[in-house]
Amino acid sequence: MSRTVFCQHLKKDGEGLDFQLYPGKIGKRIFDNICQEAWKIWQKKQTMLINEKKMNMMNPDDRIFLETAMVAFLFEGKEPEIEGYVPVKK
């Protein structure tokens, strides 16, 4: 049975994540406040960021950068800077 959350990113009710996908307090915050649709949008942007910046997920600095961008995108509405990418106007 799916659960519904008020998505802080999309500002609407949506189907919640099935389980906590990210560890710690940030993961709990995402699980409680972000819908599946917003998470999928983030995953695409995350992939573009990793590829564009040639990030290594074994590097702690790259992980910190990505986590900061994720929180800014999901909870503050800040688009990550990806060269050549123009976000769709809402």
Protein backbone atom coordinates (compact mmCIF):
# COMPACT_ATOMS: atom_id res chain seq x y z
CA MET A 1 0.00 0.00 0.00
CA SER A 2 1.43 3.34 -0.97
CA ARG A 3 1.58 6.34 1.29
CA THR A 4 0.91 9.92 0.39
CA VAL A 5 3.13 12.84 1.39
CA PHE A 6 2.93 16.56 0.79
CA CYS A 7 5.98 17.01 -1.41
CA GLN A 8 8.01 20.04 -0.32
CA HIS A 9 9.68 20.20 -3.74
CA LEU A 10 6.59 20.02 -5.96
CA LYS A 11 4.27 21.67 -3.41
CA LYS A 12 1.56 19.05 -3.88
CA ASP A 13 0.46 15.69 -2.55
CA GLY A 14 2.17 12.74 -4.16
CA GLU A 15 3.02 9.11 -3.69
CA GLY A 16 5.70 8.78 -1.03
CA LEU A 17 8.89 6.80 -1.37
CA ASP A 18 8.61 3.10 -0.50
CA PHE A 19 11.54 3.23 1.91
CA GLN A 20 14.28 5.57 3.08
CA LEU A 21 16.69 5.77 0.14
CA TYR A 22 19.29 8.03 1.77
CA PRO A 23 20.89 7.53 5.19
CA GLY A 24 20.65 9.68 8.30
CA LYS A 25 18.57 12.74 9.14
CA ILE A 26 18.57 13.98 5.56
CA GLY A 27 17.29 10.60 4.40
CA LYS A 28 14.50 10.70 6.98
CA ARG A 29 13.60 14.24 5.87
CA ILE A 30 13.47 13.10 2.23
CA PHE A 31 11.39 10.04 3.10
CA ASP A 32 8.88 12.15 5.05
CA ASN A 33 8.64 15.12 2.68
CA ILE A 34 9.56 14.19 -0.90
CA CYS A 35 7.37 12.28 -3.35
CA GLN A 36 8.49 9.66 -5.87
CA GLU A 37 8.05 12.08 -8.79
CA ALA A 38 10.39 14.69 -7.25
CA TRP A 39 12.93 12.01 -6.33
CA LYS A 40 13.01 10.77 -9.95
CA ILE A 41 13.58 14.34 -11.15
CA TRP A 42 16.47 14.66 -8.70
CA GLN A 43 17.99 11.35 -9.81
CA LYS A 44 18.18 12.61 -13.41
CA LYS A 45 19.81 15.87 -12.32
CA GLN A 46 22.17 13.98 -10.02
CA THR A 47 23.31 11.80 -12.92
CA MET A 48 23.92 14.89 -15.07
CA LEU A 49 25.92 16.53 -12.24
CA ILE A 50 28.07 13.45 -11.66
CA ASN A 51 28.81 13.12 -15.37
CA GLU A 52 29.32 16.84 -16.06
CA LYS A 53 31.68 17.37 -13.14
CA LYS A 54 33.33 13.94 -13.53
CA MET A 55 32.64 13.20 -9.89
CA ASN A 56 34.02 10.20 -8.05
CA MET A 57 31.59 8.94 -5.43
CA MET A 58 34.52 7.50 -3.48
CA ASN A 59 35.75 11.08 -2.95
CA PRO A 60 34.23 12.58 0.24
CA ASP A 61 34.33 16.12 -1.22
CA ASP A 62 32.29 15.03 -4.25
CA ARG A 63 29.74 13.31 -1.99
CA ILE A 64 29.43 16.43 0.17
CA PHE A 65 28.97 18.60 -2.94
CA LEU A 66 26.27 16.28 -4.29
CA GLU A 67 24.45 16.10 -0.94
CA THR A 68 24.46 19.91 -0.68
CA ALA A 69 23.07 20.20 -4.22
CA MET A 70 20.41 17.58 -3.44
CA VAL A 71 19.16 19.38 -0.31
CA ALA A 72 19.19 22.74 -2.14
CA PHE A 73 17.20 21.26 -5.04
CA LEU A 74 14.66 19.25 -3.07
CA PHE A 75 13.98 21.66 -0.21
CA GLU A 76 15.07 25.13 -1.35
CA GLY A 77 14.07 24.97 -5.03
CA LYS A 78 17.59 25.77 -6.27
CA GLU A 79 18.46 24.31 -9.65
CA PRO A 80 21.95 22.79 -9.82
CA GLU A 81 24.29 24.42 -12.32
CA ILE A 82 24.80 21.98 -15.16
CA GLU A 83 26.64 23.33 -18.19
CA GLY A 84 24.42 23.43 -21.26
CA TYR A 85 21.28 22.42 -19.35
CA VAL A 86 18.32 24.81 -19.33
CA PRO A 87 15.60 23.81 -16.83
CA VAL A 88 11.99 23.69 -18.02
CA LYS A 89 10.01 26.75 -16.90
CA LYS A 90 7.26 25.91 -14.41
